[in-house]
N, C-alpha and C. Protein backbone atom coordinates (compact mmCIF):
# COMPACT_ATOMS: atom_id res chain seq x y z
N UNK A 1 11.50 -30.95 -7.17
CA UNK A 1 10.16 -30.37 -7.21
C UNK A 1 10.21 -29.16 -8.14
N UNK A 2 9.21 -29.01 -8.96
CA UNK A 2 9.20 -27.88 -9.88
C UNK A 2 8.50 -26.68 -9.25
N UNK A 3 8.78 -25.51 -9.77
CA UNK A 3 8.15 -24.29 -9.27
C UNK A 3 6.65 -24.35 -9.52
N UNK A 4 5.88 -23.93 -8.53
CA UNK A 4 4.43 -23.92 -8.62
C UNK A 4 3.91 -22.88 -7.65
N UNK A 5 2.59 -22.82 -7.46
CA UNK A 5 2.06 -21.86 -6.50
C UNK A 5 2.42 -22.24 -5.07
N UNK A 6 2.80 -23.47 -4.80
CA UNK A 6 3.18 -23.93 -3.47
C UNK A 6 4.69 -23.93 -3.25
N UNK A 7 5.43 -23.78 -4.32
CA UNK A 7 6.89 -23.95 -4.21
C UNK A 7 7.59 -23.07 -5.23
N UNK A 8 8.61 -22.39 -4.78
CA UNK A 8 9.42 -21.56 -5.67
C UNK A 8 10.85 -21.62 -5.18
N UNK A 9 11.76 -21.90 -6.07
CA UNK A 9 13.18 -21.97 -5.71
C UNK A 9 13.95 -20.95 -6.55
N UNK A 10 14.73 -20.10 -5.88
CA UNK A 10 15.49 -19.07 -6.58
C UNK A 10 16.99 -19.31 -6.36
N UNK A 11 17.56 -20.14 -7.18
CA UNK A 11 18.99 -20.47 -7.05
C UNK A 11 19.89 -19.28 -7.44
N UNK A 12 19.31 -18.27 -8.08
CA UNK A 12 20.09 -17.10 -8.47
C UNK A 12 20.19 -16.07 -7.34
N UNK A 13 19.47 -16.27 -6.25
CA UNK A 13 19.51 -15.35 -5.12
C UNK A 13 20.91 -15.34 -4.52
N UNK A 14 21.40 -14.18 -4.19
CA UNK A 14 22.76 -14.10 -3.63
C UNK A 14 22.85 -14.73 -2.24
N UNK A 15 21.73 -14.97 -1.60
CA UNK A 15 21.72 -15.59 -0.28
C UNK A 15 21.42 -17.09 -0.33
N UNK A 16 21.15 -17.61 -1.52
CA UNK A 16 20.81 -19.03 -1.66
C UNK A 16 22.04 -19.89 -1.45
N UNK A 17 21.98 -20.92 -0.68
CA UNK A 17 20.89 -21.26 0.24
C UNK A 17 21.04 -20.49 1.55
N UNK A 18 19.95 -20.00 2.07
CA UNK A 18 20.00 -19.23 3.31
C UNK A 18 20.10 -20.15 4.52
N UNK A 19 19.78 -21.42 4.33
CA UNK A 19 19.92 -22.44 5.38
C UNK A 19 20.60 -23.64 4.75
N UNK A 20 21.46 -24.29 5.49
CA UNK A 20 22.14 -25.48 4.99
C UNK A 20 21.34 -26.73 5.32
N UNK A 21 21.54 -27.79 4.56
CA UNK A 21 20.95 -29.07 4.87
C UNK A 21 19.58 -29.33 4.30
N UNK A 22 19.12 -28.50 3.37
CA UNK A 22 17.82 -28.73 2.75
C UNK A 22 18.07 -29.03 1.27
N UNK A 23 17.61 -30.19 0.83
CA UNK A 23 17.82 -30.57 -0.57
C UNK A 23 17.01 -29.69 -1.51
N UNK A 24 15.76 -29.41 -1.15
CA UNK A 24 14.88 -28.56 -1.96
C UNK A 24 14.47 -27.36 -1.12
N UNK A 25 15.02 -26.21 -1.41
CA UNK A 25 14.79 -24.99 -0.63
C UNK A 25 13.61 -24.22 -1.21
N UNK A 26 12.50 -24.17 -0.48
CA UNK A 26 11.34 -23.41 -0.92
C UNK A 26 11.55 -21.95 -0.53
N UNK A 27 11.70 -21.10 -1.53
CA UNK A 27 11.95 -19.67 -1.30
C UNK A 27 10.65 -18.86 -1.28
N UNK A 28 9.51 -19.51 -1.42
CA UNK A 28 8.23 -18.81 -1.47
C UNK A 28 8.02 -17.94 -0.23
N UNK A 29 8.40 -18.45 0.94
CA UNK A 29 8.28 -17.68 2.19
C UNK A 29 9.67 -17.25 2.65
N UNK A 30 10.38 -16.59 1.78
CA UNK A 30 11.74 -16.14 2.08
C UNK A 30 11.77 -15.36 3.39
N UNK A 31 10.87 -14.42 3.54
CA UNK A 31 10.71 -13.70 4.79
C UNK A 31 9.55 -14.36 5.51
N UNK A 32 9.86 -15.09 6.55
CA UNK A 32 8.87 -15.95 7.22
C UNK A 32 7.70 -15.13 7.77
N UNK A 33 6.47 -15.49 7.37
CA UNK A 33 5.30 -14.78 7.89
C UNK A 33 5.03 -15.09 9.37
N UNK A 34 5.75 -16.06 9.92
CA UNK A 34 5.56 -16.42 11.32
C UNK A 34 6.53 -15.68 12.25
N UNK A 35 7.43 -14.90 11.68
CA UNK A 35 8.43 -14.22 12.51
C UNK A 35 7.81 -13.39 13.64
N UNK A 36 6.73 -12.65 13.40
CA UNK A 36 6.14 -11.85 14.49
C UNK A 36 5.54 -12.68 15.63
N UNK A 37 5.25 -13.94 15.37
CA UNK A 37 4.63 -14.79 16.38
C UNK A 37 5.67 -15.29 17.37
N UNK A 38 5.36 -15.16 18.67
CA UNK A 38 6.29 -15.68 19.67
C UNK A 38 6.32 -17.20 19.63
N UNK A 39 5.15 -17.80 19.44
CA UNK A 39 5.06 -19.26 19.37
C UNK A 39 4.71 -19.64 17.94
N UNK A 40 5.61 -20.36 17.30
CA UNK A 40 5.36 -20.79 15.93
C UNK A 40 5.80 -22.25 15.81
N UNK A 41 5.38 -22.92 14.75
CA UNK A 41 5.72 -24.33 14.61
C UNK A 41 7.16 -24.60 14.22
N UNK A 42 7.91 -23.56 13.93
CA UNK A 42 9.31 -23.73 13.59
C UNK A 42 10.16 -23.95 14.82
N UNK A 43 11.45 -23.82 14.66
CA UNK A 43 12.38 -24.02 15.78
C UNK A 43 13.24 -22.77 16.00
N UNK A 44 12.60 -21.64 16.36
CA UNK A 44 13.39 -20.44 16.58
C UNK A 44 14.19 -20.53 17.89
N UNK A 45 15.21 -19.73 17.96
CA UNK A 45 15.98 -19.59 19.19
C UNK A 45 15.76 -18.17 19.67
N UNK A 46 15.86 -17.97 20.96
CA UNK A 46 15.71 -16.62 21.52
C UNK A 46 17.02 -16.23 22.16
N UNK A 47 17.57 -15.11 21.72
CA UNK A 47 18.86 -14.62 22.18
C UNK A 47 18.67 -13.32 22.95
N UNK A 48 19.56 -13.04 23.84
CA UNK A 48 19.54 -11.75 24.53
C UNK A 48 20.60 -10.85 23.90
N UNK A 49 20.20 -9.65 23.56
CA UNK A 49 21.11 -8.67 22.99
C UNK A 49 20.76 -7.30 23.55
N UNK A 50 21.70 -6.70 24.23
CA UNK A 50 21.51 -5.36 24.81
C UNK A 50 20.26 -5.33 25.70
N UNK A 51 20.05 -6.41 26.44
CA UNK A 51 18.94 -6.46 27.38
C UNK A 51 17.58 -6.78 26.75
N UNK A 52 17.57 -7.10 25.46
CA UNK A 52 16.31 -7.42 24.79
C UNK A 52 16.35 -8.84 24.25
N UNK A 53 15.19 -9.51 24.31
CA UNK A 53 15.07 -10.86 23.76
C UNK A 53 14.80 -10.73 22.26
N UNK A 54 15.60 -11.41 21.47
CA UNK A 54 15.50 -11.34 20.01
C UNK A 54 15.27 -12.74 19.46
N UNK A 55 14.32 -12.86 18.56
CA UNK A 55 14.02 -14.14 17.93
C UNK A 55 15.01 -14.37 16.79
N UNK A 56 15.67 -15.51 16.81
CA UNK A 56 16.60 -15.88 15.75
C UNK A 56 16.08 -17.12 15.04
N UNK A 57 15.91 -17.01 13.74
CA UNK A 57 15.41 -18.13 12.95
C UNK A 57 16.53 -18.72 12.07
N UNK A 58 17.76 -18.44 12.45
CA UNK A 58 18.91 -18.87 11.67
C UNK A 58 18.90 -20.37 11.40
N UNK A 59 18.50 -21.16 12.38
CA UNK A 59 18.53 -22.61 12.22
C UNK A 59 17.15 -23.21 11.97
N UNK A 60 16.17 -22.37 11.72
CA UNK A 60 14.80 -22.85 11.46
C UNK A 60 14.59 -22.96 9.95
N UNK A 61 14.10 -24.09 9.50
CA UNK A 61 13.86 -24.30 8.07
C UNK A 61 12.37 -24.54 7.77
N UNK A 62 11.52 -24.36 8.76
CA UNK A 62 10.09 -24.64 8.61
C UNK A 62 9.48 -23.99 7.37
N UNK A 63 9.63 -22.68 7.14
CA UNK A 63 8.97 -22.07 5.97
C UNK A 63 9.60 -22.48 4.65
N UNK A 64 10.77 -23.10 4.68
CA UNK A 64 11.47 -23.48 3.45
C UNK A 64 11.18 -24.91 3.01
N UNK A 65 10.36 -25.61 3.75
CA UNK A 65 9.99 -26.98 3.38
C UNK A 65 8.62 -26.94 2.69
N UNK A 66 8.57 -27.45 1.47
CA UNK A 66 7.35 -27.39 0.67
C UNK A 66 6.15 -28.03 1.38
N UNK A 67 6.39 -29.06 2.18
CA UNK A 67 5.28 -29.74 2.85
C UNK A 67 4.61 -28.88 3.92
N UNK A 68 5.19 -27.73 4.27
CA UNK A 68 4.61 -26.85 5.28
C UNK A 68 3.78 -25.72 4.69
N UNK A 69 3.58 -25.73 3.38
CA UNK A 69 2.81 -24.68 2.71
C UNK A 69 1.43 -24.51 3.33
N UNK A 70 0.68 -25.60 3.50
CA UNK A 70 -0.68 -25.51 4.03
C UNK A 70 -0.70 -24.94 5.44
N UNK A 71 0.25 -25.35 6.28
CA UNK A 71 0.32 -24.84 7.65
C UNK A 71 0.57 -23.34 7.65
N UNK A 72 1.50 -22.88 6.82
CA UNK A 72 1.79 -21.45 6.73
C UNK A 72 0.57 -20.68 6.23
N UNK A 73 -0.11 -21.21 5.25
CA UNK A 73 -1.30 -20.55 4.73
C UNK A 73 -2.38 -20.47 5.79
N UNK A 74 -2.52 -21.49 6.61
CA UNK A 74 -3.51 -21.48 7.69
C UNK A 74 -3.19 -20.38 8.70
N UNK A 75 -1.92 -20.24 9.07
CA UNK A 75 -1.52 -19.16 9.98
C UNK A 75 -1.83 -17.79 9.37
N UNK A 76 -1.57 -17.63 8.08
CA UNK A 76 -1.85 -16.36 7.41
C UNK A 76 -3.35 -16.07 7.38
N UNK A 77 -4.15 -17.08 7.09
CA UNK A 77 -5.61 -16.91 7.06
C UNK A 77 -6.15 -16.55 8.43
N UNK A 78 -5.63 -17.20 9.47
CA UNK A 78 -6.07 -16.90 10.84
C UNK A 78 -5.70 -15.47 11.22
N UNK A 79 -4.51 -15.02 10.84
CA UNK A 79 -4.10 -13.65 11.12
C UNK A 79 -4.97 -12.65 10.40
N UNK A 80 -5.31 -12.93 9.15
CA UNK A 80 -6.19 -12.05 8.38
C UNK A 80 -7.57 -11.99 9.02
N UNK A 81 -8.08 -13.12 9.45
CA UNK A 81 -9.41 -13.17 10.09
C UNK A 81 -9.41 -12.33 11.36
N UNK A 82 -8.34 -12.43 12.17
CA UNK A 82 -8.26 -11.63 13.40
C UNK A 82 -8.26 -10.14 13.09
N UNK A 83 -7.52 -9.75 12.06
CA UNK A 83 -7.48 -8.33 11.68
C UNK A 83 -8.85 -7.86 11.20
N UNK A 84 -9.53 -8.69 10.43
CA UNK A 84 -10.87 -8.34 9.95
C UNK A 84 -11.84 -8.22 11.12
N UNK A 85 -11.75 -9.14 12.08
CA UNK A 85 -12.64 -9.11 13.24
C UNK A 85 -12.42 -7.84 14.09
N UNK A 86 -11.18 -7.35 14.08
CA UNK A 86 -10.86 -6.12 14.83
C UNK A 86 -11.20 -4.87 14.02
N UNK A 87 -11.59 -5.06 12.77
CA UNK A 87 -11.94 -3.92 11.91
C UNK A 87 -10.74 -3.26 11.27
N UNK A 88 -9.60 -3.96 11.29
CA UNK A 88 -8.39 -3.42 10.66
C UNK A 88 -8.43 -3.74 9.18
N UNK A 89 -7.90 -2.85 8.37
CA UNK A 89 -7.84 -3.07 6.93
C UNK A 89 -6.43 -3.53 6.58
N UNK A 90 -6.27 -4.24 5.49
CA UNK A 90 -4.94 -4.61 5.04
C UNK A 90 -4.83 -5.93 4.58
């Protein structure tokens, strides 16, 4: 797949590939916009560390699959709409 507005691959990144087992790694959502969500369509794991529950996305590849672009954009649009409805700027 070639780089486009839906897909970007950065093979020069020192962390590439950040997940194993993906033939085409979409780096567009390198920092997953779904991380703050407790429930997301990916496959996060929840670990306990020092008495706190921590979300681990180490084995989740959802944002790195090009076919999930529309789903991620929908989550972002919904989040923006909620912020606008609350009168928050940003």
